[in-house]
N, C-alpha and C. Protein backbone atom coordinates (compact mmCIF):
# COMPACT_ATOMS: atom_id res chain seq x y z
N MET A 1 19.98 -0.94 -1.19
CA MET A 1 18.81 -0.13 -0.88
C MET A 1 17.86 -0.93 0.00
N ARG A 2 17.34 -0.32 1.02
CA ARG A 2 16.41 -0.98 1.92
C ARG A 2 15.00 -0.93 1.32
N THR A 3 14.35 -2.07 1.28
CA THR A 3 12.97 -2.14 0.79
C THR A 3 12.02 -1.64 1.87
N ARG A 4 11.23 -0.64 1.55
CA ARG A 4 10.25 -0.12 2.51
C ARG A 4 9.07 -1.08 2.61
N ILE A 5 8.38 -1.01 3.75
CA ILE A 5 7.28 -1.93 4.03
C ILE A 5 6.04 -1.17 4.46
N LYS A 6 4.93 -1.44 3.77
CA LYS A 6 3.63 -0.86 4.14
C LYS A 6 2.68 -1.99 4.50
N ILE A 7 2.06 -1.88 5.66
CA ILE A 7 1.03 -2.81 6.10
C ILE A 7 -0.30 -2.08 5.96
N CYS A 8 -1.21 -2.63 5.17
CA CYS A 8 -2.44 -1.92 4.82
C CYS A 8 -3.67 -2.60 5.41
N GLY A 9 -4.75 -1.84 5.47
CA GLY A 9 -6.04 -2.39 5.88
C GLY A 9 -6.21 -2.54 7.37
N LEU A 10 -5.64 -1.62 8.15
CA LEU A 10 -5.74 -1.72 9.61
C LEU A 10 -7.02 -1.06 10.12
N LYS A 11 -7.64 -1.72 11.10
CA LYS A 11 -8.90 -1.22 11.66
C LYS A 11 -8.86 -1.10 13.18
N ARG A 12 -7.84 -1.68 13.82
CA ARG A 12 -7.81 -1.74 15.28
C ARG A 12 -6.56 -1.04 15.81
N GLU A 13 -6.72 -0.35 16.94
CA GLU A 13 -5.59 0.35 17.56
C GLU A 13 -4.46 -0.61 17.89
N ALA A 14 -4.80 -1.80 18.39
CA ALA A 14 -3.77 -2.77 18.77
C ALA A 14 -2.94 -3.19 17.56
N ASP A 15 -3.59 -3.30 16.40
CA ASP A 15 -2.86 -3.70 15.19
C ASP A 15 -1.93 -2.58 14.72
N VAL A 16 -2.37 -1.33 14.82
CA VAL A 16 -1.50 -0.21 14.45
C VAL A 16 -0.26 -0.21 15.35
N ALA A 17 -0.47 -0.39 16.65
CA ALA A 17 0.66 -0.42 17.58
C ALA A 17 1.60 -1.58 17.26
N ALA A 18 1.05 -2.73 16.89
CA ALA A 18 1.88 -3.90 16.58
C ALA A 18 2.70 -3.68 15.32
N VAL A 19 2.09 -3.06 14.32
CA VAL A 19 2.80 -2.78 13.08
C VAL A 19 3.96 -1.81 13.33
N CYS A 20 3.72 -0.78 14.12
CA CYS A 20 4.78 0.18 14.43
C CYS A 20 5.90 -0.48 15.23
N ALA A 21 5.54 -1.31 16.20
CA ALA A 21 6.53 -1.99 17.02
C ALA A 21 7.39 -2.93 16.19
N ALA A 22 6.80 -3.52 15.14
CA ALA A 22 7.54 -4.46 14.30
C ALA A 22 8.48 -3.76 13.33
N GLY A 23 8.31 -2.44 13.15
CA GLY A 23 9.23 -1.68 12.32
C GLY A 23 8.78 -1.39 10.90
N ALA A 24 7.48 -1.46 10.64
CA ALA A 24 6.99 -1.11 9.30
C ALA A 24 7.20 0.38 9.04
N ASP A 25 7.35 0.73 7.78
CA ASP A 25 7.58 2.12 7.41
C ASP A 25 6.28 2.90 7.25
N ALA A 26 5.20 2.21 6.87
CA ALA A 26 3.94 2.89 6.59
C ALA A 26 2.77 2.01 7.00
N VAL A 27 1.68 2.68 7.36
CA VAL A 27 0.44 2.02 7.76
C VAL A 27 -0.68 2.54 6.87
N GLY A 28 -1.45 1.62 6.28
CA GLY A 28 -2.51 2.02 5.38
C GLY A 28 -3.89 1.88 6.00
N PHE A 29 -4.71 2.93 5.84
CA PHE A 29 -6.10 2.92 6.30
C PHE A 29 -7.00 2.96 5.06
N ASN A 30 -7.92 2.02 4.98
CA ASN A 30 -8.78 1.89 3.81
C ASN A 30 -10.03 2.75 3.97
N CYS A 31 -10.18 3.74 3.11
CA CYS A 31 -11.31 4.67 3.16
C CYS A 31 -12.34 4.38 2.08
N TYR A 32 -12.37 3.14 1.59
CA TYR A 32 -13.33 2.71 0.58
C TYR A 32 -14.50 2.03 1.28
N PRO A 33 -15.69 2.63 1.29
CA PRO A 33 -16.80 2.10 2.09
C PRO A 33 -17.20 0.66 1.75
N LYS A 34 -16.93 0.18 0.55
CA LYS A 34 -17.33 -1.17 0.18
C LYS A 34 -16.32 -2.23 0.61
N SER A 35 -15.22 -1.82 1.20
CA SER A 35 -14.20 -2.77 1.62
C SER A 35 -14.49 -3.31 3.01
N PRO A 36 -14.19 -4.59 3.27
CA PRO A 36 -14.34 -5.12 4.63
C PRO A 36 -13.35 -4.50 5.61
N ARG A 37 -12.36 -3.79 5.07
CA ARG A 37 -11.36 -3.13 5.92
C ARG A 37 -11.61 -1.62 6.03
N TYR A 38 -12.79 -1.20 5.65
CA TYR A 38 -13.13 0.23 5.65
C TYR A 38 -13.02 0.84 7.04
N VAL A 39 -12.45 2.05 7.07
CA VAL A 39 -12.37 2.84 8.29
C VAL A 39 -13.04 4.19 8.01
N ALA A 40 -14.07 4.51 8.77
CA ALA A 40 -14.78 5.78 8.59
C ALA A 40 -13.91 6.94 9.09
N PRO A 41 -14.11 8.14 8.52
CA PRO A 41 -13.29 9.28 8.93
C PRO A 41 -13.29 9.53 10.44
N ASN A 42 -14.42 9.26 11.12
CA ASN A 42 -14.45 9.54 12.56
C ASN A 42 -13.66 8.52 13.38
N ARG A 43 -13.17 7.43 12.74
CA ARG A 43 -12.31 6.47 13.43
C ARG A 43 -10.84 6.70 13.16
N LEU A 44 -10.56 7.43 12.10
CA LEU A 44 -9.16 7.58 11.69
C LEU A 44 -8.31 8.27 12.74
N ARG A 45 -8.87 9.27 13.37
CA ARG A 45 -8.08 10.05 14.33
C ARG A 45 -7.58 9.18 15.48
N ALA A 46 -8.46 8.30 15.99
CA ALA A 46 -8.08 7.42 17.09
C ALA A 46 -7.01 6.42 16.65
N LEU A 47 -7.15 5.88 15.46
CA LEU A 47 -6.15 4.95 14.96
C LEU A 47 -4.80 5.63 14.75
N ALA A 48 -4.84 6.84 14.24
CA ALA A 48 -3.59 7.56 13.95
C ALA A 48 -2.82 7.90 15.21
N ARG A 49 -3.49 7.98 16.35
CA ARG A 49 -2.80 8.27 17.61
C ARG A 49 -1.81 7.17 17.99
N GLU A 50 -2.02 5.97 17.46
CA GLU A 50 -1.14 4.85 17.78
C GLU A 50 0.11 4.80 16.90
N LEU A 51 0.20 5.68 15.92
CA LEU A 51 1.34 5.67 15.02
C LEU A 51 2.62 6.12 15.72
N GLY A 52 3.73 5.48 15.36
CA GLY A 52 5.02 5.95 15.83
C GLY A 52 5.41 7.24 15.14
N PRO A 53 6.37 7.96 15.70
CA PRO A 53 6.74 9.27 15.12
C PRO A 53 7.33 9.18 13.73
N PHE A 54 7.85 8.02 13.34
CA PHE A 54 8.46 7.88 12.02
C PHE A 54 7.70 6.88 11.14
N THR A 55 6.45 6.62 11.47
CA THR A 55 5.62 5.72 10.67
C THR A 55 4.65 6.56 9.84
N VAL A 56 4.67 6.37 8.53
CA VAL A 56 3.88 7.20 7.62
C VAL A 56 2.46 6.65 7.50
N PRO A 57 1.43 7.47 7.73
CA PRO A 57 0.06 7.03 7.47
C PRO A 57 -0.30 7.21 6.00
N VAL A 58 -1.05 6.26 5.47
CA VAL A 58 -1.49 6.30 4.07
C VAL A 58 -3.01 6.10 4.06
N LEU A 59 -3.70 6.95 3.32
CA LEU A 59 -5.16 6.86 3.19
C LEU A 59 -5.50 6.37 1.80
N LEU A 60 -6.23 5.25 1.73
CA LEU A 60 -6.56 4.63 0.45
C LEU A 60 -7.99 5.00 0.04
N PHE A 61 -8.13 5.46 -1.21
CA PHE A 61 -9.44 5.86 -1.74
C PHE A 61 -9.71 5.16 -3.07
N VAL A 62 -11.00 4.92 -3.33
CA VAL A 62 -11.44 4.35 -4.61
C VAL A 62 -12.55 5.23 -5.15
N ASN A 63 -12.23 6.02 -6.17
CA ASN A 63 -13.23 6.89 -6.82
C ASN A 63 -14.02 7.70 -5.78
N ALA A 64 -13.32 8.23 -4.82
CA ALA A 64 -13.97 8.91 -3.70
C ALA A 64 -14.37 10.33 -4.06
N ALA A 65 -15.49 10.76 -3.50
CA ALA A 65 -15.90 12.16 -3.63
C ALA A 65 -14.91 13.04 -2.87
N PRO A 66 -14.65 14.25 -3.36
CA PRO A 66 -13.68 15.13 -2.69
C PRO A 66 -13.99 15.38 -1.21
N ASP A 67 -15.27 15.43 -0.83
CA ASP A 67 -15.57 15.70 0.57
C ASP A 67 -15.14 14.54 1.47
N LEU A 68 -15.19 13.30 0.96
CA LEU A 68 -14.70 12.16 1.74
C LEU A 68 -13.19 12.23 1.90
N VAL A 69 -12.50 12.57 0.82
CA VAL A 69 -11.05 12.71 0.90
C VAL A 69 -10.67 13.79 1.90
N GLU A 70 -11.34 14.92 1.85
CA GLU A 70 -11.01 16.03 2.75
C GLU A 70 -11.33 15.67 4.20
N ALA A 71 -12.43 14.94 4.44
CA ALA A 71 -12.76 14.53 5.80
C ALA A 71 -11.69 13.62 6.37
N ALA A 72 -11.19 12.70 5.56
CA ALA A 72 -10.13 11.81 6.00
C ALA A 72 -8.84 12.58 6.24
N ARG A 73 -8.53 13.52 5.37
CA ARG A 73 -7.31 14.32 5.53
C ARG A 73 -7.39 15.21 6.77
N ASP A 74 -8.57 15.68 7.10
CA ASP A 74 -8.73 16.46 8.32
C ASP A 74 -8.37 15.63 9.55
N ALA A 75 -8.72 14.34 9.50
CA ALA A 75 -8.43 13.45 10.63
C ALA A 75 -6.95 13.07 10.69
N VAL A 76 -6.32 12.92 9.51
CA VAL A 76 -4.90 12.52 9.44
C VAL A 76 -4.20 13.47 8.47
N PRO A 77 -3.88 14.69 8.91
CA PRO A 77 -3.40 15.73 7.98
C PRO A 77 -2.07 15.41 7.31
N ASN A 78 -1.25 14.58 7.94
CA ASN A 78 0.09 14.31 7.39
C ASN A 78 0.12 13.06 6.52
N ALA A 79 -1.04 12.55 6.12
CA ALA A 79 -1.09 11.28 5.40
C ALA A 79 -0.70 11.42 3.93
N VAL A 80 -0.07 10.37 3.42
CA VAL A 80 0.10 10.18 1.99
C VAL A 80 -1.22 9.62 1.45
N LEU A 81 -1.60 10.02 0.25
CA LEU A 81 -2.84 9.54 -0.35
C LEU A 81 -2.53 8.42 -1.34
N GLN A 82 -3.44 7.45 -1.40
CA GLN A 82 -3.32 6.35 -2.34
C GLN A 82 -4.63 6.21 -3.10
N PHE A 83 -4.57 6.35 -4.41
CA PHE A 83 -5.77 6.28 -5.24
C PHE A 83 -5.80 4.95 -5.98
N HIS A 84 -6.87 4.20 -5.73
CA HIS A 84 -6.93 2.81 -6.16
C HIS A 84 -8.06 2.53 -7.14
N GLY A 85 -8.71 3.59 -7.63
CA GLY A 85 -9.84 3.39 -8.52
C GLY A 85 -9.53 3.75 -9.95
N ASP A 86 -10.39 4.58 -10.53
CA ASP A 86 -10.24 4.96 -11.94
C ASP A 86 -9.86 6.44 -12.08
N GLU A 87 -9.24 6.98 -11.06
CA GLU A 87 -8.92 8.41 -11.03
C GLU A 87 -7.87 8.77 -12.09
N HIS A 88 -8.05 9.93 -12.70
CA HIS A 88 -7.05 10.50 -13.59
C HIS A 88 -6.04 11.30 -12.76
N GLU A 89 -4.97 11.73 -13.43
CA GLU A 89 -3.93 12.45 -12.68
C GLU A 89 -4.49 13.70 -11.99
N ALA A 90 -5.33 14.44 -12.67
CA ALA A 90 -5.88 15.66 -12.07
C ALA A 90 -6.68 15.35 -10.80
N ASP A 91 -7.38 14.22 -10.79
CA ASP A 91 -8.15 13.82 -9.61
C ASP A 91 -7.23 13.55 -8.42
N CYS A 92 -6.06 13.00 -8.71
CA CYS A 92 -5.12 12.63 -7.65
C CYS A 92 -4.33 13.85 -7.15
N ALA A 93 -3.98 14.73 -8.07
CA ALA A 93 -3.09 15.85 -7.73
C ALA A 93 -3.83 17.04 -7.14
N ARG A 94 -5.15 17.08 -7.22
CA ARG A 94 -5.92 18.26 -6.84
C ARG A 94 -5.77 18.64 -5.37
N TYR A 95 -5.35 17.69 -4.52
CA TYR A 95 -5.29 17.95 -3.08
C TYR A 95 -3.95 18.53 -2.64
N GLY A 96 -3.00 18.58 -3.55
CA GLY A 96 -1.69 19.14 -3.21
C GLY A 96 -0.91 18.30 -2.24
N ALA A 97 -1.24 17.01 -2.13
CA ALA A 97 -0.58 16.10 -1.20
C ALA A 97 0.26 15.08 -1.96
N VAL A 98 1.23 14.51 -1.28
CA VAL A 98 1.98 13.40 -1.86
C VAL A 98 1.01 12.23 -2.08
N TYR A 99 1.07 11.62 -3.27
CA TYR A 99 0.15 10.52 -3.53
C TYR A 99 0.82 9.39 -4.31
N MET A 100 0.23 8.21 -4.14
CA MET A 100 0.59 7.03 -4.91
C MET A 100 -0.60 6.66 -5.79
N ARG A 101 -0.33 6.19 -6.97
CA ARG A 101 -1.40 5.75 -7.87
C ARG A 101 -1.31 4.25 -8.04
N ALA A 102 -2.37 3.54 -7.69
CA ALA A 102 -2.41 2.09 -7.87
C ALA A 102 -2.68 1.76 -9.33
N ILE A 103 -1.99 0.76 -9.83
CA ILE A 103 -2.15 0.28 -11.20
C ILE A 103 -2.57 -1.19 -11.13
N ARG A 104 -3.74 -1.48 -11.67
CA ARG A 104 -4.18 -2.87 -11.73
C ARG A 104 -3.51 -3.53 -12.94
N MET A 105 -2.67 -4.52 -12.67
CA MET A 105 -1.82 -5.10 -13.71
C MET A 105 -2.58 -6.14 -14.55
N SER A 106 -3.59 -5.65 -15.24
CA SER A 106 -4.37 -6.48 -16.16
C SER A 106 -3.53 -6.78 -17.41
N ASP A 107 -3.96 -7.78 -18.15
CA ASP A 107 -3.30 -8.08 -19.42
C ASP A 107 -3.34 -6.84 -20.31
N GLY A 108 -2.21 -6.52 -20.89
CA GLY A 108 -2.14 -5.38 -21.80
C GLY A 108 -1.73 -4.08 -21.15
N VAL A 109 -1.70 -4.02 -19.83
CA VAL A 109 -1.26 -2.80 -19.15
C VAL A 109 0.24 -2.61 -19.34
N ASP A 110 0.63 -1.44 -19.78
CA ASP A 110 2.03 -1.10 -20.01
C ASP A 110 2.45 -0.14 -18.90
N LEU A 111 3.35 -0.58 -18.04
CA LEU A 111 3.75 0.23 -16.91
C LEU A 111 4.41 1.54 -17.35
N LEU A 112 5.14 1.51 -18.43
CA LEU A 112 5.80 2.73 -18.90
C LEU A 112 4.77 3.75 -19.37
N ASP A 113 3.66 3.29 -19.96
CA ASP A 113 2.57 4.21 -20.31
C ASP A 113 1.97 4.81 -19.05
N CYS A 114 1.83 4.02 -18.00
CA CYS A 114 1.28 4.51 -16.74
C CYS A 114 2.18 5.58 -16.13
N GLU A 115 3.47 5.41 -16.27
CA GLU A 115 4.39 6.44 -15.77
C GLU A 115 4.15 7.76 -16.47
N ARG A 116 3.88 7.71 -17.77
CA ARG A 116 3.63 8.94 -18.52
C ARG A 116 2.29 9.57 -18.14
N LEU A 117 1.32 8.74 -17.74
CA LEU A 117 0.00 9.25 -17.39
C LEU A 117 -0.03 9.89 -16.00
N PHE A 118 0.88 9.48 -15.11
CA PHE A 118 0.88 9.98 -13.73
C PHE A 118 2.26 10.49 -13.32
N PRO A 119 2.77 11.49 -14.03
CA PRO A 119 4.13 11.98 -13.72
C PRO A 119 4.22 12.64 -12.35
N SER A 120 3.11 13.11 -11.79
CA SER A 120 3.16 13.78 -10.49
C SER A 120 3.08 12.82 -9.32
N ALA A 121 2.87 11.51 -9.58
CA ALA A 121 2.78 10.53 -8.49
C ALA A 121 4.14 10.31 -7.86
N ALA A 122 4.14 10.10 -6.54
CA ALA A 122 5.39 9.78 -5.85
C ALA A 122 5.82 8.35 -6.13
N ALA A 123 4.85 7.49 -6.46
CA ALA A 123 5.13 6.10 -6.76
C ALA A 123 3.91 5.48 -7.44
N LEU A 124 4.15 4.37 -8.12
CA LEU A 124 3.07 3.57 -8.67
C LEU A 124 2.98 2.28 -7.86
N LEU A 125 1.78 1.96 -7.38
CA LEU A 125 1.56 0.74 -6.62
C LEU A 125 0.95 -0.29 -7.55
N LEU A 126 1.63 -1.41 -7.73
CA LEU A 126 1.22 -2.42 -8.70
C LEU A 126 0.48 -3.53 -7.97
N ASP A 127 -0.78 -3.78 -8.40
CA ASP A 127 -1.63 -4.73 -7.70
C ASP A 127 -2.29 -5.68 -8.69
N THR A 128 -2.77 -6.78 -8.17
CA THR A 128 -3.52 -7.75 -8.97
C THR A 128 -4.91 -7.20 -9.28
N PRO A 129 -5.35 -7.27 -10.51
CA PRO A 129 -6.70 -6.76 -10.81
C PRO A 129 -7.78 -7.59 -10.12
N SER A 130 -8.81 -6.91 -9.66
CA SER A 130 -9.96 -7.59 -9.06
C SER A 130 -11.16 -6.66 -9.13
N GLU A 131 -12.34 -7.23 -9.08
CA GLU A 131 -13.56 -6.42 -9.13
C GLU A 131 -13.68 -5.52 -7.91
N ALA A 132 -13.03 -5.90 -6.83
CA ALA A 132 -13.11 -5.14 -5.58
C ALA A 132 -12.01 -4.07 -5.48
N TYR A 133 -11.32 -3.79 -6.59
CA TYR A 133 -10.24 -2.80 -6.60
C TYR A 133 -9.14 -3.17 -5.60
N GLY A 134 -8.62 -4.39 -5.71
CA GLY A 134 -7.56 -4.83 -4.83
C GLY A 134 -8.07 -5.78 -3.77
N GLY A 135 -7.15 -6.24 -2.92
CA GLY A 135 -7.53 -7.13 -1.84
C GLY A 135 -7.86 -8.54 -2.29
N SER A 136 -7.35 -8.96 -3.46
CA SER A 136 -7.68 -10.27 -3.99
C SER A 136 -6.93 -11.39 -3.27
N GLY A 137 -5.80 -11.06 -2.67
CA GLY A 137 -4.97 -12.09 -2.06
C GLY A 137 -4.19 -12.92 -3.06
N ARG A 138 -4.17 -12.49 -4.31
CA ARG A 138 -3.48 -13.23 -5.37
C ARG A 138 -2.35 -12.37 -5.94
N ALA A 139 -1.26 -13.03 -6.31
CA ALA A 139 -0.14 -12.35 -6.95
C ALA A 139 -0.35 -12.33 -8.46
N PHE A 140 0.22 -11.34 -9.13
CA PHE A 140 0.23 -11.33 -10.59
C PHE A 140 1.61 -11.74 -11.08
N ASP A 141 1.77 -11.80 -12.37
CA ASP A 141 3.03 -12.24 -12.97
C ASP A 141 4.06 -11.11 -12.88
N TRP A 142 5.01 -11.24 -11.98
CA TRP A 142 5.99 -10.17 -11.75
C TRP A 142 6.91 -9.96 -12.94
N SER A 143 7.01 -10.93 -13.84
CA SER A 143 7.88 -10.77 -15.00
C SER A 143 7.37 -9.68 -15.94
N ARG A 144 6.13 -9.24 -15.74
CA ARG A 144 5.56 -8.19 -16.58
C ARG A 144 6.05 -6.80 -16.17
N ILE A 145 6.76 -6.70 -15.07
CA ILE A 145 7.26 -5.42 -14.59
C ILE A 145 8.62 -5.16 -15.24
N PRO A 146 8.76 -4.11 -16.03
CA PRO A 146 10.04 -3.86 -16.70
C PRO A 146 11.14 -3.51 -15.70
N ALA A 147 12.33 -4.02 -15.96
CA ALA A 147 13.46 -3.73 -15.07
C ALA A 147 13.86 -2.26 -15.18
N ARG A 148 13.74 -1.70 -16.36
CA ARG A 148 14.06 -0.28 -16.57
C ARG A 148 12.79 0.54 -16.41
N ARG A 149 12.75 1.36 -15.39
CA ARG A 149 11.59 2.20 -15.12
C ARG A 149 12.08 3.46 -14.43
N SER A 150 11.31 4.52 -14.57
CA SER A 150 11.77 5.80 -14.03
C SER A 150 11.11 6.18 -12.72
N MET A 151 10.02 5.51 -12.34
CA MET A 151 9.31 5.85 -11.12
C MET A 151 9.47 4.76 -10.07
N ARG A 152 9.31 5.16 -8.82
CA ARG A 152 9.32 4.17 -7.74
C ARG A 152 8.13 3.22 -7.91
N VAL A 153 8.38 1.95 -7.62
CA VAL A 153 7.35 0.92 -7.71
C VAL A 153 7.13 0.32 -6.33
N ILE A 154 5.86 0.23 -5.95
CA ILE A 154 5.46 -0.46 -4.73
C ILE A 154 4.73 -1.72 -5.16
N LEU A 155 5.22 -2.86 -4.73
CA LEU A 155 4.66 -4.14 -5.16
C LEU A 155 3.61 -4.61 -4.16
N ALA A 156 2.42 -4.93 -4.66
CA ALA A 156 1.33 -5.44 -3.83
C ALA A 156 0.71 -6.65 -4.54
N GLY A 157 -0.28 -7.25 -3.90
CA GLY A 157 -1.01 -8.34 -4.51
C GLY A 157 -0.50 -9.71 -4.11
N GLY A 158 -1.15 -10.34 -3.15
CA GLY A 158 -0.84 -11.72 -2.80
C GLY A 158 0.47 -11.95 -2.10
N LEU A 159 1.06 -10.93 -1.52
CA LEU A 159 2.34 -11.10 -0.83
C LEU A 159 2.13 -11.67 0.56
N ASN A 160 3.09 -12.47 1.01
CA ASN A 160 3.09 -13.02 2.36
C ASN A 160 4.53 -13.36 2.73
N SER A 161 4.73 -13.88 3.91
CA SER A 161 6.09 -14.16 4.37
C SER A 161 6.76 -15.27 3.57
N ASP A 162 5.97 -16.10 2.87
CA ASP A 162 6.54 -17.20 2.09
C ASP A 162 7.07 -16.75 0.73
N ASN A 163 6.48 -15.71 0.15
CA ASN A 163 6.89 -15.33 -1.21
C ASN A 163 7.54 -13.96 -1.32
N VAL A 164 7.57 -13.18 -0.23
CA VAL A 164 8.04 -11.80 -0.36
C VAL A 164 9.54 -11.72 -0.59
N MET A 165 10.31 -12.69 -0.11
CA MET A 165 11.75 -12.67 -0.40
C MET A 165 11.98 -12.79 -1.90
N ARG A 166 11.30 -13.73 -2.53
CA ARG A 166 11.43 -13.90 -3.98
C ARG A 166 10.93 -12.67 -4.71
N ALA A 167 9.85 -12.07 -4.20
CA ALA A 167 9.31 -10.86 -4.84
C ALA A 167 10.33 -9.72 -4.82
N VAL A 168 10.95 -9.51 -3.68
CA VAL A 168 11.93 -8.43 -3.55
C VAL A 168 13.12 -8.67 -4.47
N GLN A 169 13.61 -9.91 -4.51
CA GLN A 169 14.78 -10.22 -5.32
C GLN A 169 14.47 -10.21 -6.82
N THR A 170 13.21 -10.48 -7.19
CA THR A 170 12.83 -10.50 -8.60
C THR A 170 12.54 -9.10 -9.13
N VAL A 171 11.77 -8.33 -8.36
CA VAL A 171 11.27 -7.03 -8.84
C VAL A 171 12.17 -5.88 -8.42
N ARG A 172 12.84 -6.01 -7.26
CA ARG A 172 13.60 -4.90 -6.67
C ARG A 172 12.72 -3.66 -6.52
N PRO A 173 11.60 -3.78 -5.84
CA PRO A 173 10.69 -2.63 -5.70
C PRO A 173 11.22 -1.64 -4.68
N TYR A 174 10.72 -0.42 -4.76
CA TYR A 174 11.00 0.57 -3.72
C TYR A 174 10.39 0.12 -2.40
N ALA A 175 9.19 -0.48 -2.47
CA ALA A 175 8.48 -0.91 -1.27
C ALA A 175 7.59 -2.09 -1.61
N VAL A 176 7.17 -2.79 -0.56
CA VAL A 176 6.17 -3.85 -0.68
C VAL A 176 4.98 -3.48 0.20
N ASP A 177 3.80 -3.96 -0.21
CA ASP A 177 2.55 -3.60 0.46
C ASP A 177 1.77 -4.89 0.70
N VAL A 178 1.38 -5.12 1.95
CA VAL A 178 0.66 -6.35 2.29
C VAL A 178 -0.56 -6.02 3.13
N SER A 179 -1.63 -6.80 2.93
CA SER A 179 -2.82 -6.67 3.77
C SER A 179 -3.28 -8.05 4.21
N SER A 180 -3.94 -8.80 3.30
CA SER A 180 -4.47 -10.10 3.68
C SER A 180 -3.38 -11.09 4.06
N GLY A 181 -2.17 -10.90 3.56
CA GLY A 181 -1.07 -11.82 3.85
C GLY A 181 -0.58 -11.80 5.28
N VAL A 182 -1.05 -10.85 6.08
CA VAL A 182 -0.67 -10.80 7.50
C VAL A 182 -1.92 -10.80 8.39
N GLU A 183 -3.02 -11.36 7.86
CA GLU A 183 -4.29 -11.31 8.59
C GLU A 183 -4.73 -12.68 9.10
N GLU A 184 -5.52 -12.63 10.17
CA GLU A 184 -6.27 -13.80 10.64
C GLU A 184 -7.66 -13.82 10.01
N ALA A 185 -8.20 -12.63 9.75
CA ALA A 185 -9.50 -12.43 9.09
C ALA A 185 -9.46 -11.03 8.50
N PRO A 186 -10.36 -10.69 7.56
CA PRO A 186 -10.30 -9.35 6.96
C PRO A 186 -10.32 -8.24 8.00
N GLY A 187 -9.25 -7.45 8.02
CA GLY A 187 -9.15 -6.34 8.95
C GLY A 187 -8.61 -6.72 10.32
N ILE A 188 -8.35 -8.01 10.55
CA ILE A 188 -7.81 -8.49 11.84
C ILE A 188 -6.40 -8.99 11.59
N LYS A 189 -5.42 -8.21 12.01
CA LYS A 189 -4.03 -8.55 11.73
C LYS A 189 -3.47 -9.52 12.78
N SER A 190 -2.45 -10.24 12.37
CA SER A 190 -1.71 -11.14 13.24
C SER A 190 -0.34 -10.53 13.51
N ALA A 191 -0.02 -10.27 14.77
CA ALA A 191 1.28 -9.70 15.11
C ALA A 191 2.40 -10.64 14.69
N THR A 192 2.18 -11.94 14.80
CA THR A 192 3.21 -12.92 14.40
C THR A 192 3.44 -12.88 12.90
N ARG A 193 2.37 -12.83 12.12
CA ARG A 193 2.51 -12.78 10.66
C ARG A 193 3.15 -11.47 10.21
N ILE A 194 2.85 -10.39 10.90
CA ILE A 194 3.48 -9.10 10.58
C ILE A 194 4.99 -9.20 10.80
N ARG A 195 5.39 -9.73 11.94
CA ARG A 195 6.83 -9.86 12.22
C ARG A 195 7.50 -10.79 11.21
N ASP A 196 6.85 -11.90 10.88
CA ASP A 196 7.44 -12.84 9.92
C ASP A 196 7.60 -12.19 8.55
N PHE A 197 6.62 -11.40 8.14
CA PHE A 197 6.69 -10.72 6.85
C PHE A 197 7.84 -9.72 6.83
N ILE A 198 7.94 -8.90 7.85
CA ILE A 198 9.00 -7.89 7.90
C ILE A 198 10.37 -8.56 7.97
N ASP A 199 10.49 -9.63 8.73
CA ASP A 199 11.77 -10.36 8.81
C ASP A 199 12.16 -10.91 7.44
N ALA A 200 11.19 -11.41 6.68
CA ALA A 200 11.49 -11.96 5.36
C ALA A 200 11.98 -10.87 4.41
N VAL A 201 11.39 -9.68 4.48
CA VAL A 201 11.86 -8.57 3.64
C VAL A 201 13.28 -8.19 4.02
N ARG A 202 13.56 -8.12 5.31
CA ARG A 202 14.91 -7.75 5.75
C ARG A 202 15.94 -8.79 5.31
N ARG A 203 15.57 -10.06 5.35
CA ARG A 203 16.50 -11.10 4.90
C ARG A 203 16.76 -10.97 3.40
N ALA A 204 15.72 -10.62 2.65
CA ALA A 204 15.90 -10.43 1.21
C ALA A 204 16.87 -9.29 0.94
N ASP A 205 16.74 -8.21 1.68
CA ASP A 205 17.66 -7.06 1.50
C ASP A 205 19.09 -7.45 1.83
N GLN A 206 19.28 -8.25 2.86
CA GLN A 206 20.64 -8.65 3.27
C GLN A 206 21.28 -9.55 2.24
N ARG A 207 20.47 -10.39 1.61
CA ARG A 207 21.01 -11.32 0.61
C ARG A 207 21.30 -10.63 -0.72
N ASP A 208 20.55 -9.57 -0.99
CA ASP A 208 20.67 -8.91 -2.30
C ASP A 208 20.70 -7.40 -2.07
N PRO A 209 21.82 -6.86 -1.53
CA PRO A 209 21.85 -5.45 -1.15
C PRO A 209 21.67 -4.48 -2.28
N GLN A 210 21.83 -4.89 -3.54
CA GLN A 210 21.63 -4.00 -4.66
C GLN A 210 20.15 -3.91 -5.05
């Protein structure tokens, strides 16, 4: 199985084009106003124009008001939604769109319980807990992820080109998600780091095709 790759937190047209050229499967736009990678709805349309025809846009929200979600969806109508705050399943499913639910892997979190709480999610995105709702740049203990699970898992939190091969071979996720691990500064991506990250994922898949 090929591990999918999402590059998140893009703010510049050149970075979107670089991510698509490198072969990423998805591009994430952060719609959380408190994030240094925040993209306002009136910027989303311009960024989305740089997407390749087979690159999936993802809109990330944290406890967002419905009007903010709808404004972002108007700009990028074909986007997958990602909920990264304290939203319940009804909050995520109300828009009738494909969505991912982020799970902050704090001590005591049971992934199988989370699967039962969000049965309508297309995937669960597992991230390191932080006060900023992600973006910590730190990995969590991957051994806490059960090998037997019924939902797709997207692995995030502290990934970079140095550790993503081990992450893929340890967790066998459906996809990996990186932001700060391919940056020069918050919201400023490095085309070289993007290519190195994607190459490392591909090498992991070749070494461990199962």
